[in-house]
Amino acid sequence: MKIRNIVRGLALVGATAALLPIGSAMAGGPGFDGIQVNGDTTGTLSGCSAGAVCVPLVTGEGFLQQEVRTADGSTFIQTIIIDPLIANAAPGGIDVSTLAFSDITFIQMSGSDDGIKARQRLSDIPDDNTGNSFTSVTDLLIGDWALAGHADAPNLRIVQEFVDNSTTGTAIGTTDSTRTEDDFVNSFKLDVNLNDSGQQTGKRMTMLQDVGMSDPDVTTPGDDFQRFVISQLSGDLLTSDGSLVLGTPSSGTGTGGSVDWSAGDDVLITWLGQRVNLGGVGNSIFGFQSVDNLSDTDAPISTFSTSTAEFTTATPFEWNTTFGADAPTL
């Protein structure tokens, strides 16, 4: 990727977005689909989202601004930015969503409604199929019209994943000898809700990190693996009351205990599990979990086990499906 061009595009988009007021708007809005690189050497763009009519206003290398009219009569200004060098190198008819960088932004022009609808994509996926990649998608939806058609979507969503030597997106090499034993995976997701003044009203954050720690040169797949998970919910994205009870640790840090929360609080859960093969005499396993209601003054609770990292009735760990459908596991 041409980082300098990408950064320049980000700066332009950021400056444009900073000038836009935040507020509600009418229902209906165009989609992010339909934009392609033209089949020539100028790196220009064309196309229109499904069901809409578009009139180009400004075109250039890696840049298109056009008026978009949807079926309900609403009009928008759409701005698309990609790396012009990538655009020049790409064959005609390539959808911009498949490129290493693209940024698509809509602002509404009809009526007096405010808002912005934007999607930015970054990706670095080599052609050698080695399981190395970076992907990032950021959606910004401000205003009722921007949220229309995106059921239960937050105002801001960031989804990122970095993968090294993992063709599966999971850094475990114990069951597949073709998988590299020193895999690494990091995934991050952040949802944020905003009010009409731009202030945060709710947050949902999840982060997972997988580390394969086996020797990649051994002929037999290893069993050395670590997984780390953080989950946090707050404000209007924590919609129900709940509690977690952690048992007394088998050794090490922590005292166990319980944490209660009400809808709208800010609750953070951290879990770490590790398994290491001891060379034919079994595995060394440990697990750690902490829970903290950041909205109260009580101290966080935590527990530790040297016999398991799993969430079952026989362990000191406990999970609440509010923070994810499935509990973390090794």
C-alpha atoms as a PDB file:
ATOM      1  CA  MET A   1       0.000   0.000   0.000  1.00  0.00           C
ATOM      2  CA  LYS A   2       1.102   3.589  -0.653  1.00  0.00           C
ATOM      3  CA  ILE A   3       0.891   4.873   2.896  1.00  0.00           C
ATOM      4  CA  ARG A   4       1.550   8.517   2.045  1.00  0.00           C
ATOM      5  CA  ASN A   5      -1.417   8.634  -0.310  1.00  0.00           C
ATOM      6  CA  ILE A   6      -3.618   6.864   2.203  1.00  0.00           C
ATOM      7  CA  VAL A   7      -2.677   9.292   4.969  1.00  0.00           C
ATOM      8  CA  ARG A   8      -3.339  12.219   2.645  1.00  0.00           C
ATOM      9  CA  GLY A   9      -6.785  10.798   1.888  1.00  0.00           C
ATOM     10  CA  LEU A  10      -7.516  10.279   5.575  1.00  0.00           C
ATOM     11  CA  ALA A  11      -6.612  13.873   6.336  1.00  0.00           C
ATOM     12  CA  LEU A  12      -8.945  15.156   3.634  1.00  0.00           C
ATOM     13  CA  VAL A  13     -11.824  13.013   4.830  1.00  0.00           C
ATOM     14  CA  GLY A  14     -11.241  13.993   8.440  1.00  0.00           C
ATOM     15  CA  ALA A  15     -11.213  17.684   7.593  1.00  0.00           C
ATOM     16  CA  THR A  16     -14.444  17.319   5.634  1.00  0.00           C
ATOM     17  CA  ALA A  17     -16.176  15.384   8.416  1.00  0.00           C
ATOM     18  CA  ALA A  18     -15.166  17.978  11.023  1.00  0.00           C
ATOM     19  CA  LEU A  19     -17.232  20.605   9.210  1.00  0.00           C
ATOM     20  CA  LEU A  20     -20.431  18.570   9.300  1.00  0.00           C
ATOM     21  CA  PRO A  21     -23.070  19.156  12.000  1.00  0.00           C
ATOM     22  CA  ILE A  22     -24.343  16.189  13.984  1.00  0.00           C
ATOM     23  CA  GLY A  23     -28.080  15.586  14.182  1.00  0.00           C
ATOM     24  CA  SER A  24     -31.027  13.525  13.057  1.00  0.00           C
ATOM     25  CA  ALA A  25     -32.428  13.286   9.573  1.00  0.00           C
ATOM     26  CA  MET A  26     -35.115  11.688   7.441  1.00  0.00           C
ATOM     27  CA  ALA A  27     -35.229   7.985   6.670  1.00  0.00           C
ATOM     28  CA  GLY A  28     -33.678   6.558   3.517  1.00  0.00           C
ATOM     29  CA  GLY A  29     -30.130   6.636   2.261  1.00  0.00           C
ATOM     30  CA  PRO A  30     -27.860   5.235  -0.457  1.00  0.00           C
ATOM     31  CA  GLY A  31     -25.565   2.261   0.012  1.00  0.00           C
ATOM     32  CA  PHE A  32     -21.787   1.924  -0.217  1.00  0.00           C
ATOM     33  CA  ASP A  33     -21.947  -0.357  -3.271  1.00  0.00           C
ATOM     34  CA  GLY A  34     -21.578   0.211  -6.997  1.00  0.00           C
ATOM     35  CA  ILE A  35     -18.330   2.209  -7.385  1.00  0.00           C
ATOM     36  CA  GLN A  36     -15.696   0.804  -9.739  1.00  0.00           C
ATOM     37  CA  VAL A  37     -12.326   1.731 -11.219  1.00  0.00           C
ATOM     38  CA  ASN A  38     -12.730   2.661 -14.870  1.00  0.00           C
ATOM     39  CA  GLY A  39     -11.080   0.621 -17.595  1.00  0.00           C
ATOM     40  CA  ASP A  40      -8.475   3.191 -18.622  1.00  0.00           C
ATOM     41  CA  THR A  41      -5.126   4.515 -17.381  1.00  0.00           C
ATOM     42  CA  THR A  42      -6.360   7.685 -15.651  1.00  0.00           C
ATOM     43  CA  GLY A  43      -7.400   6.030 -12.386  1.00  0.00           C
ATOM     44  CA  THR A  44     -10.887   7.570 -12.496  1.00  0.00           C
ATOM     45  CA  LEU A  45     -13.993   6.140 -10.829  1.00  0.00           C
ATOM     46  CA  SER A  46     -17.633   5.722 -11.784  1.00  0.00           C
ATOM     47  CA  GLY A  47     -20.802   3.956 -10.676  1.00  0.00           C
ATOM     48  CA  CYS A  48     -23.824   4.342  -8.459  1.00  0.00           C
ATOM     49  CA  SER A  49     -25.372   2.479  -5.538  1.00  0.00           C
ATOM     50  CA  ALA A  50     -28.267   0.142  -6.309  1.00  0.00           C
ATOM     51  CA  GLY A  51     -31.612   1.872  -6.831  1.00  0.00           C
ATOM     52  CA  ALA A  52     -30.117   5.370  -7.023  1.00  0.00           C
ATOM     53  CA  VAL A  53     -29.401   7.859  -9.841  1.00  0.00           C
ATOM     54  CA  CYS A  54     -25.962   9.536  -9.853  1.00  0.00           C
ATOM     55  CA  VAL A  55     -24.609  12.627 -11.606  1.00  0.00           C
ATOM     56  CA  PRO A  56     -20.794  13.037 -11.461  1.00  0.00           C
ATOM     57  CA  LEU A  57     -19.640  16.505 -10.363  1.00  0.00           C
ATOM     58  CA  VAL A  58     -15.848  16.211  -9.949  1.00  0.00           C
ATOM     59  CA  THR A  59     -13.599  13.390 -11.141  1.00  0.00           C
ATOM     60  CA  GLY A  60      -9.858  12.820 -10.907  1.00  0.00           C
ATOM     61  CA  GLU A  61      -7.231  10.185 -10.228  1.00  0.00           C
ATOM     62  CA  GLY A  62      -8.603   8.159  -7.313  1.00  0.00           C
ATOM     63  CA  PHE A  63     -11.365  10.713  -6.645  1.00  0.00           C
ATOM     64  CA  LEU A  64     -15.064  11.029  -7.487  1.00  0.00           C
ATOM     65  CA  GLN A  65     -17.678  13.420  -6.139  1.00  0.00           C
ATOM     66  CA  GLN A  66     -21.223  13.108  -7.384  1.00  0.00           C
ATOM     67  CA  GLU A  67     -24.842  13.928  -6.658  1.00  0.00           C
ATOM     68  CA  VAL A  68     -26.915  10.889  -5.675  1.00  0.00           C
ATOM     69  CA  ARG A  69     -30.721  10.785  -5.771  1.00  0.00           C
ATOM     70  CA  THR A  70     -32.514   7.865  -4.106  1.00  0.00           C
ATOM     71  CA  ALA A  71     -35.942   6.440  -4.927  1.00  0.00           C
ATOM     72  CA  ASP A  72     -37.679   8.494  -2.217  1.00  0.00           C
ATOM     73  CA  GLY A  73     -36.423  11.746  -3.774  1.00  0.00           C
ATOM     74  CA  SER A  74     -33.655  12.467  -1.266  1.00  0.00           C
ATOM     75  CA  THR A  75     -30.426  13.909  -2.637  1.00  0.00           C
ATOM     76  CA  PHE A  76     -26.887  13.415  -1.340  1.00  0.00           C
ATOM     77  CA  ILE A  77     -23.336  14.404  -2.170  1.00  0.00           C
ATOM     78  CA  GLN A  78     -21.133  11.308  -2.329  1.00  0.00           C
ATOM     79  CA  THR A  79     -17.337  11.542  -2.130  1.00  0.00           C
ATOM     80  CA  ILE A  80     -15.090   8.557  -2.935  1.00  0.00           C
ATOM     81  CA  ILE A  81     -11.319   8.576  -2.346  1.00  0.00           C
ATOM     82  CA  ILE A  82      -8.854   5.808  -3.180  1.00  0.00           C
ATOM     83  CA  ASP A  83      -5.093   5.694  -3.687  1.00  0.00           C
ATOM     84  CA  PRO A  84      -4.621   7.078  -7.240  1.00  0.00           C
ATOM     85  CA  LEU A  85      -1.543   4.907  -7.833  1.00  0.00           C
ATOM     86  CA  ILE A  86      -3.560   1.809  -6.972  1.00  0.00           C
ATOM     87  CA  ALA A  87      -6.377   3.049  -9.184  1.00  0.00           C
ATOM     88  CA  ASN A  88      -3.993   3.428 -12.122  1.00  0.00           C
ATOM     89  CA  ALA A  89      -2.611  -0.073 -11.612  1.00  0.00           C
ATOM     90  CA  ALA A  90      -5.994  -1.799 -11.214  1.00  0.00           C
ATOM     91  CA  PRO A  91      -7.772  -3.239 -14.263  1.00  0.00           C
ATOM     92  CA  GLY A  92     -11.124  -1.794 -15.262  1.00  0.00           C
ATOM     93  CA  GLY A  93     -14.287  -2.956 -13.562  1.00  0.00           C
ATOM     94  CA  ILE A  94     -12.690  -3.553 -10.137  1.00  0.00           C
ATOM     95  CA  ASP A  95     -14.993  -2.751  -7.207  1.00  0.00           C
ATOM     96  CA  VAL A  96     -13.335  -0.203  -4.912  1.00  0.00           C
ATOM     97  CA  SER A  97     -14.233  -2.331  -1.867  1.00  0.00           C
ATOM     98  CA  THR A  98     -11.595  -4.851  -2.987  1.00  0.00           C
ATOM     99  CA  LEU A  99      -8.781  -2.276  -3.039  1.00  0.00           C
ATOM    100  CA  ALA A 100      -6.212  -1.677  -0.316  1.00  0.00           C
ATOM    101  CA  PHE A 101      -7.808   1.652   0.593  1.00  0.00           C
ATOM    102  CA  SER A 102     -11.179   3.236  -0.065  1.00  0.00           C
ATOM    103  CA  ASP A 103     -13.233   5.910   1.660  1.00  0.00           C
ATOM    104  CA  ILE A 104     -16.879   6.624   0.773  1.00  0.00           C
ATOM    105  CA  THR A 105     -18.820   9.467   2.383  1.00  0.00           C
ATOM    106  CA  PHE A 106     -22.394  10.763   1.988  1.00  0.00           C
ATOM    107  CA  ILE A 107     -23.916  14.005   3.237  1.00  0.00           C
ATOM    108  CA  GLN A 108     -27.579  14.822   2.659  1.00  0.00           C
ATOM    109  CA  MET A 109     -28.423  17.884   0.545  1.00  0.00           C
ATOM    110  CA  SER A 110     -32.240  17.823   0.421  1.00  0.00           C
ATOM    111  CA  GLY A 111     -34.166  19.426   3.283  1.00  0.00           C
ATOM    112  CA  SER A 112     -32.570  20.733   6.478  1.00  0.00           C
ATOM    113  CA  ASP A 113     -31.462  17.418   7.956  1.00  0.00           C
ATOM    114  CA  ASP A 114     -27.911  16.968   9.180  1.00  0.00           C
ATOM    115  CA  GLY A 115     -25.693  13.907   9.388  1.00  0.00           C
ATOM    116  CA  ILE A 116     -23.021  11.871   7.685  1.00  0.00           C
ATOM    117  CA  LYS A 117     -22.693   8.319   6.416  1.00  0.00           C
ATOM    118  CA  ALA A 118     -19.172   7.064   5.780  1.00  0.00           C
ATOM    119  CA  ARG A 119     -17.222   3.840   5.346  1.00  0.00           C
ATOM    120  CA  GLN A 120     -13.454   3.522   5.255  1.00  0.00           C
ATOM    121  CA  ARG A 121     -11.634   0.317   4.331  1.00  0.00           C
ATOM    122  CA  LEU A 122      -7.966  -0.562   4.766  1.00  0.00           C
ATOM    123  CA  SER A 123      -6.494  -3.937   3.855  1.00  0.00           C
ATOM    124  CA  ASP A 124      -3.137  -5.545   3.223  1.00  0.00           C
ATOM    125  CA  ILE A 125      -3.606  -9.125   2.052  1.00  0.00           C
ATOM    126  CA  PRO A 126      -0.627 -10.645   0.169  1.00  0.00           C
ATOM    127  CA  ASP A 127      -1.239 -12.824  -2.867  1.00  0.00           C
ATOM    128  CA  ASP A 128       0.990 -15.641  -1.580  1.00  0.00           C
ATOM    129  CA  ASN A 129      -1.767 -17.147   0.654  1.00  0.00           C
ATOM    130  CA  THR A 130       0.581 -17.437   3.641  1.00  0.00           C
ATOM    131  CA  GLY A 131      -2.058 -16.392   6.163  1.00  0.00           C
ATOM    132  CA  ASN A 132      -0.670 -12.898   6.727  1.00  0.00           C
ATOM    133  CA  SER A 133      -3.111  -9.996   6.523  1.00  0.00           C
ATOM    134  CA  PHE A 134      -4.403  -6.764   7.987  1.00  0.00           C
ATOM    135  CA  THR A 135      -7.980  -5.555   7.504  1.00  0.00           C
ATOM    136  CA  SER A 136      -9.861  -2.593   8.947  1.00  0.00           C
ATOM    137  CA  VAL A 137     -13.383  -1.312   8.297  1.00  0.00           C
ATOM    138  CA  THR A 138     -14.749   1.847   9.946  1.00  0.00           C
ATOM    139  CA  ASP A 139     -18.406   2.875   9.621  1.00  0.00           C
ATOM    140  CA  LEU A 140     -19.742   6.260  10.738  1.00  0.00           C
ATOM    141  CA  LEU A 141     -23.536   6.685  10.773  1.00  0.00           C
ATOM    142  CA  ILE A 142     -24.812   9.999  12.137  1.00  0.00           C
ATOM    143  CA  GLY A 143     -28.487  10.878  11.664  1.00  0.00           C
ATOM    144  CA  ASP A 144     -31.638   8.789  11.312  1.00  0.00           C
ATOM    145  CA  TRP A 145     -31.305   8.672   7.533  1.00  0.00           C
ATOM    146  CA  ALA A 146     -27.759   7.305   7.818  1.00  0.00           C
ATOM    147  CA  LEU A 147     -28.831   4.598  10.281  1.00  0.00           C
ATOM    148  CA  ALA A 148     -31.778   3.528   8.125  1.00  0.00           C
ATOM    149  CA  GLY A 149     -31.173   0.067   6.714  1.00  0.00           C
ATOM    150  CA  HIS A 150     -28.511  -0.713   9.327  1.00  0.00           C
ATOM    151  CA  ALA A 151     -30.553  -2.488  12.005  1.00  0.00           C
ATOM    152  CA  ASP A 152     -29.133  -2.077  15.524  1.00  0.00           C
ATOM    153  CA  ALA A 153     -25.940  -0.521  14.150  1.00  0.00           C
ATOM    154  CA  PRO A 154     -24.037   1.915  16.390  1.00  0.00           C
ATOM    155  CA  ASN A 155     -23.093   5.417  15.260  1.00  0.00           C
ATOM    156  CA  LEU A 156     -19.437   4.373  15.020  1.00  0.00           C
ATOM    157  CA  ARG A 157     -18.080   0.878  14.364  1.00  0.00           C
ATOM    158  CA  ILE A 158     -14.414  -0.088  13.958  1.00  0.00           C
ATOM    159  CA  VAL A 159     -13.479  -3.691  13.105  1.00  0.00           C
ATOM    160  CA  GLN A 160      -9.804  -4.608  12.705  1.00  0.00           C
ATOM    161  CA  GLU A 161      -7.883  -7.867  12.391  1.00  0.00           C
ATOM    162  CA  PHE A 162      -4.179  -8.595  12.088  1.00  0.00           C
ATOM    163  CA  VAL A 163      -3.080 -12.145  11.230  1.00  0.00           C
ATOM    164  CA  ASP A 164       0.456 -13.546  11.014  1.00  0.00           C
ATOM    165  CA  ASN A 165       1.063 -17.086   9.757  1.00  0.00           C
ATOM    166  CA  SER A 166      -2.529 -18.223  10.315  1.00  0.00           C
ATOM    167  CA  THR A 167      -4.605 -19.401   7.368  1.00  0.00           C
ATOM    168  CA  THR A 168      -7.580 -19.972   9.675  1.00  0.00           C
ATOM    169  CA  GLY A 169      -7.672 -16.760  11.714  1.00  0.00           C
ATOM    170  CA  THR A 170      -6.995 -18.794  14.847  1.00  0.00           C
ATOM    171  CA  ALA A 171      -3.496 -19.315  16.220  1.00  0.00           C
ATOM    172  CA  ILE A 172      -3.755 -22.998  17.121  1.00  0.00           C
ATOM    173  CA  GLY A 173      -1.403 -25.530  15.521  1.00  0.00           C
ATOM    174  CA  THR A 174      -2.288 -28.682  17.478  1.00  0.00           C
ATOM    175  CA  THR A 175      -4.701 -30.277  15.007  1.00  0.00           C
ATOM    176  CA  ASP A 176      -3.303 -29.326  11.624  1.00  0.00           C
ATOM    177  CA  SER A 177       0.311 -30.050  10.754  1.00  0.00           C
ATOM    178  CA  THR A 178       0.152 -27.660   7.785  1.00  0.00           C
ATOM    179  CA  ARG A 179      -0.446 -24.717  10.098  1.00  0.00           C
ATOM    180  CA  THR A 180       2.514 -22.721  11.411  1.00  0.00           C
ATOM    181  CA  GLU A 181       3.091 -23.224  15.133  1.00  0.00           C
ATOM    182  CA  ASP A 182       4.004 -19.606  15.892  1.00  0.00           C
ATOM    183  CA  ASP A 183       0.755 -18.112  14.594  1.00  0.00           C
ATOM    184  CA  PHE A 184      -0.458 -14.745  15.856  1.00  0.00           C
ATOM    185  CA  VAL A 185      -3.962 -13.244  15.580  1.00  0.00           C
ATOM    186  CA  ASN A 186      -5.251  -9.960  16.965  1.00  0.00           C
ATOM    187  CA  SER A 187      -8.839  -8.835  16.434  1.00  0.00           C
ATOM    188  CA  PHE A 188     -10.503  -5.664  17.711  1.00  0.00           C
ATOM    189  CA  LYS A 189     -14.081  -4.396  17.513  1.00  0.00           C
ATOM    190  CA  LEU A 190     -15.412  -1.115  18.878  1.00  0.00           C
ATOM    191  CA  ASP A 191     -19.010   0.137  18.764  1.00  0.00           C
ATOM    192  CA  VAL A 192     -19.861   3.644  19.988  1.00  0.00           C
ATOM    193  CA  ASN A 193     -23.211   5.422  20.216  1.00  0.00           C
ATOM    194  CA  LEU A 194     -23.383   9.225  20.174  1.00  0.00           C
ATOM    195  CA  ASN A 195     -26.104  11.720  21.051  1.00  0.00           C
ATOM    196  CA  ASP A 196     -27.061  14.746  18.951  1.00  0.00           C
ATOM    197  CA  SER A 197     -24.252  16.768  20.561  1.00  0.00           C
ATOM    198  CA  GLY A 198     -21.633  14.193  19.628  1.00  0.00           C
ATOM    199  CA  GLN A 199     -21.187  12.931  23.188  1.00  0.00           C
ATOM    200  CA  GLN A 200     -20.723   9.217  23.809  1.00  0.00           C
ATOM    201  CA  THR A 201     -23.777   7.442  25.223  1.00  0.00           C
ATOM    202  CA  GLY A 202     -22.625   3.832  24.963  1.00  0.00           C
ATOM    203  CA  LYS A 203     -19.621   1.651  24.140  1.00  0.00           C
ATOM    204  CA  ARG A 204     -19.066  -2.007  23.240  1.00  0.00           C
ATOM    205  CA  MET A 205     -15.439  -3.125  22.946  1.00  0.00           C
ATOM    206  CA  THR A 206     -14.064  -6.602  22.371  1.00  0.00           C
ATOM    207  CA  MET A 207     -10.459  -7.611  21.788  1.00  0.00           C
ATOM    208  CA  LEU A 208      -9.016 -11.076  21.254  1.00  0.00           C
ATOM    209  CA  GLN A 209      -5.372 -12.021  20.892  1.00  0.00           C
ATOM    210  CA  ASP A 210      -4.155 -15.530  19.999  1.00  0.00           C
ATOM    211  CA  VAL A 211      -0.515 -16.540  20.222  1.00  0.00           C
ATOM    212  CA  GLY A 212       0.841 -19.893  19.030  1.00  0.00           C
ATOM    213  CA  MET A 213       4.056 -20.452  20.978  1.00  0.00           C
ATOM    214  CA  SER A 214       5.273 -23.791  19.566  1.00  0.00           C
ATOM    215  CA  ASP A 215       8.505 -24.251  17.637  1.00  0.00           C
ATOM    216  CA  PRO A 216       7.637 -23.832  13.940  1.00  0.00           C
ATOM    217  CA  ASP A 217      10.485 -26.198  12.942  1.00  0.00           C
ATOM    218  CA  VAL A 218       9.251 -29.285  14.801  1.00  0.00           C
ATOM    219  CA  THR A 219       7.751 -32.143  12.804  1.00  0.00           C
ATOM    220  CA  THR A 220       4.957 -32.845  15.308  1.00  0.00           C
ATOM    221  CA  PRO A 221       2.413 -30.083  15.985  1.00  0.00           C
ATOM    222  CA  GLY A 222       2.878 -28.567  19.424  1.00  0.00           C
ATOM    223  CA  ASP A 223       0.452 -27.651  22.142  1.00  0.00           C
ATOM    224  CA  ASP A 224       1.760 -24.288  23.339  1.00  0.00           C
ATOM    225  CA  PHE A 225      -0.896 -21.631  23.065  1.00  0.00           C
ATOM    226  CA  GLN A 226      -2.141 -18.452  24.744  1.00  0.00           C
ATOM    227  CA  ARG A 227      -5.413 -16.555  24.338  1.00  0.00           C
ATOM    228  CA  PHE A 228      -6.299 -13.133  25.774  1.00  0.00           C
ATOM    229  CA  VAL A 229      -9.807 -11.600  25.755  1.00  0.00           C
ATOM    230  CA  ILE A 230     -11.183  -8.226  26.848  1.00  0.00           C
ATOM    231  CA  SER A 231     -14.877  -7.347  26.728  1.00  0.00           C
ATOM    232  CA  GLN A 232     -16.384  -4.040  27.858  1.00  0.00           C
ATOM    233  CA  LEU A 233     -19.951  -2.716  27.728  1.00  0.00           C
ATOM    234  CA  SER A 234     -21.265   0.629  28.898  1.00  0.00           C
ATOM    235  CA  GLY A 235     -24.148   3.087  28.650  1.00  0.00           C
ATOM    236  CA  ASP A 236     -26.990   2.324  26.241  1.00  0.00           C
ATOM    237  CA  LEU A 237     -25.048  -0.654  24.844  1.00  0.00           C
ATOM    238  CA  LEU A 238     -25.277  -2.432  28.222  1.00  0.00           C
ATOM    239  CA  THR A 239     -29.016  -3.031  28.169  1.00  0.00           C
ATOM    240  CA  SER A 240     -29.631  -5.435  31.065  1.00  0.00           C
ATOM    241  CA  ASP A 241     -28.809  -5.914  34.750  1.00  0.00           C
ATOM    242  CA  GLY A 242     -26.501  -8.765  35.665  1.00  0.00           C
ATOM    243  CA  SER A 243     -23.779 -10.183  37.874  1.00  0.00           C
ATOM    244  CA  LEU A 244     -20.725 -12.431  37.830  1.00  0.00           C
ATOM    245  CA  VAL A 245     -19.376 -14.578  40.666  1.00  0.00           C
ATOM    246  CA  LEU A 246     -15.744 -15.724  40.579  1.00  0.00           C
ATOM    247  CA  GLY A 247     -14.575 -18.601  42.758  1.00  0.00           C
ATOM    248  CA  THR A 248     -11.612 -18.683  45.115  1.00  0.00           C
ATOM    249  CA  PRO A 249      -8.334 -18.973  43.173  1.00  0.00           C
ATOM    250  CA  SER A 250      -6.423 -22.254  43.365  1.00  0.00           C
ATOM    251  CA  SER A 251      -3.194 -20.278  43.773  1.00  0.00           C
ATOM    252  CA  GLY A 252      -1.603 -17.027  42.820  1.00  0.00           C
ATOM    253  CA  THR A 253      -3.444 -13.732  42.664  1.00  0.00           C
ATOM    254  CA  GLY A 254      -7.071 -12.868  43.365  1.00  0.00           C
ATOM    255  CA  THR A 255      -9.641 -13.460  46.065  1.00  0.00           C
ATOM    256  CA  GLY A 256     -12.761 -14.279  44.050  1.00  0.00           C
ATOM    257  CA  GLY A 257     -15.998 -12.497  44.851  1.00  0.00           C
ATOM    258  CA  SER A 258     -18.968 -11.028  42.975  1.00  0.00           C
ATOM    259  CA  VAL A 259     -19.731  -7.980  40.829  1.00  0.00           C
ATOM    260  CA  ASP A 260     -23.231  -6.657  40.138  1.00  0.00           C
ATOM    261  CA  TRP A 261     -24.236  -4.115  37.531  1.00  0.00           C
ATOM    262  CA  SER A 262     -27.306  -2.289  36.279  1.00  0.00           C
ATOM    263  CA  ALA A 263     -28.197  -1.463  32.690  1.00  0.00           C
ATOM    264  CA  GLY A 264     -26.191   1.576  31.630  1.00  0.00           C
ATOM    265  CA  ASP A 265     -23.171   0.889  33.863  1.00  0.00           C
ATOM    266  CA  ASP A 266     -19.620   0.450  32.542  1.00  0.00           C
ATOM    267  CA  VAL A 267     -18.363  -3.133  33.041  1.00  0.00           C
ATOM    268  CA  LEU A 268     -14.993  -4.574  32.000  1.00  0.00           C
ATOM    269  CA  ILE A 269     -14.102  -8.295  31.835  1.00  0.00           C
ATOM    270  CA  THR A 270     -10.572  -9.614  31.239  1.00  0.00           C
ATOM    271  CA  TRP A 271      -9.596 -13.272  30.731  1.00  0.00           C
ATOM    272  CA  LEU A 272      -6.274 -14.959  29.955  1.00  0.00           C
ATOM    273  CA  GLY A 273      -5.653 -18.645  29.302  1.00  0.00           C
ATOM    274  CA  GLN A 274      -2.427 -20.490  28.510  1.00  0.00           C
ATOM    275  CA  ARG A 275      -1.454 -24.091  27.782  1.00  0.00           C
ATOM    276  CA  VAL A 276       2.155 -25.337  27.419  1.00  0.00           C
ATOM    277  CA  ASN A 277       3.196 -28.869  26.488  1.00  0.00           C
ATOM    278  CA  LEU A 278       5.671 -30.312  29.004  1.00  0.00           C
ATOM    279  CA  GLY A 279       7.313 -32.738  26.591  1.00  0.00           C
ATOM    280  CA  GLY A 280       5.297 -35.924  27.001  1.00  0.00           C
ATOM    281  CA  VAL A 281       4.417 -35.574  30.704  1.00  0.00           C
ATOM    282  CA  GLY A 282       1.247 -33.519  30.226  1.00  0.00           C
ATOM    283  CA  ASN A 283       0.392 -29.858  29.907  1.00  0.00           C
ATOM    284  CA  SER A 284       0.940 -26.840  32.121  1.00  0.00           C
ATOM    285  CA  ILE A 285      -2.282 -24.810  32.170  1.00  0.00           C
ATOM    286  CA  PHE A 286      -3.344 -21.615  33.854  1.00  0.00           C
ATOM    287  CA  GLY A 287      -6.251 -19.200  33.629  1.00  0.00           C
ATOM    288  CA  PHE A 288      -6.922 -15.718  34.982  1.00  0.00           C
ATOM    289  CA  GLN A 289     -10.100 -13.621  35.030  1.00  0.00           C
ATOM    290  CA  SER A 290     -11.001 -10.203  36.424  1.00  0.00           C
ATOM    291  CA  VAL A 291     -14.294  -8.282  36.470  1.00  0.00           C
ATOM    292  CA  ASP A 292     -14.775  -4.601  37.314  1.00  0.00           C
ATOM    293  CA  ASN A 293     -17.853  -2.381  37.373  1.00  0.00           C
ATOM    294  CA  LEU A 294     -16.188   0.922  36.545  1.00  0.00           C
ATOM    295  CA  SER A 295     -19.368   2.810  37.472  1.00  0.00           C
ATOM    296  CA  ASP A 296     -19.085   2.060  41.190  1.00  0.00           C
ATOM    297  CA  THR A 297     -16.350   2.556  43.766  1.00  0.00           C
ATOM    298  CA  ASP A 298     -15.947  -1.131  44.613  1.00  0.00           C
ATOM    299  CA  ALA A 299     -12.636  -2.794  43.882  1.00  0.00           C
ATOM    300  CA  PRO A 300     -12.488  -5.218  40.934  1.00  0.00           C
ATOM    301  CA  ILE A 301     -12.561  -8.957  41.591  1.00  0.00           C
ATOM    302  CA  SER A 302     -10.242 -11.574  40.100  1.00  0.00           C
ATOM    303  CA  THR A 303      -9.370 -15.250  40.274  1.00  0.00           C
ATOM    304  CA  PHE A 304      -6.613 -17.565  39.057  1.00  0.00           C
ATOM    305  CA  SER A 305      -6.306 -21.288  38.382  1.00  0.00           C
ATOM    306  CA  THR A 306      -3.317 -23.513  37.670  1.00  0.00           C
ATOM    307  CA  SER A 307      -5.471 -26.483  36.682  1.00  0.00           C
ATOM    308  CA  THR A 308      -7.838 -25.074  34.035  1.00  0.00           C
ATOM    309  CA  ALA A 309      -8.718 -22.046  31.939  1.00  0.00           C
ATOM    310  CA  GLU A 310     -12.169 -23.247  30.878  1.00  0.00           C
ATOM    311  CA  PHE A 311     -15.579 -21.876  31.871  1.00  0.00           C
ATOM    312  CA  THR A 312     -17.343 -24.842  33.468  1.00  0.00           C
ATOM    313  CA  THR A 313     -19.104 -25.353  36.791  1.00  0.00           C
ATOM    314  CA  ALA A 314     -15.943 -26.937  38.224  1.00  0.00           C
ATOM    315  CA  THR A 315     -13.718 -23.873  37.755  1.00  0.00           C
ATOM    316  CA  PRO A 316     -13.465 -20.462  39.459  1.00  0.00           C
ATOM    317  CA  PHE A 317     -14.406 -18.649  36.228  1.00  0.00           C
ATOM    318  CA  GLU A 318     -17.856 -17.422  35.178  1.00  0.00           C
ATOM    319  CA  TRP A 319     -19.169 -15.872  31.948  1.00  0.00           C
ATOM    320  CA  ASN A 320     -22.236 -13.777  31.136  1.00  0.00           C
ATOM    321  CA  THR A 321     -23.589 -14.021  27.585  1.00  0.00           C
ATOM    322  CA  THR A 322     -24.256 -10.274  27.602  1.00  0.00           C
ATOM    323  CA  PHE A 323     -20.529  -9.946  26.850  1.00  0.00           C
ATOM    324  CA  GLY A 324     -20.481 -12.528  24.070  1.00  0.00           C
ATOM    325  CA  ALA A 325     -22.551 -15.534  23.074  1.00  0.00           C
ATOM    326  CA  ASP A 326     -19.765 -17.963  23.930  1.00  0.00           C
ATOM    327  CA  ALA A 327     -17.238 -17.912  26.752  1.00  0.00           C
ATOM    328  CA  PRO A 328     -13.552 -17.804  25.712  1.00  0.00           C
ATOM    329  CA  THR A 329     -11.834 -21.151  25.455  1.00  0.00           C
ATOM    330  CA  LEU A 330      -8.434 -22.645  24.662  1.00  0.00           C
END
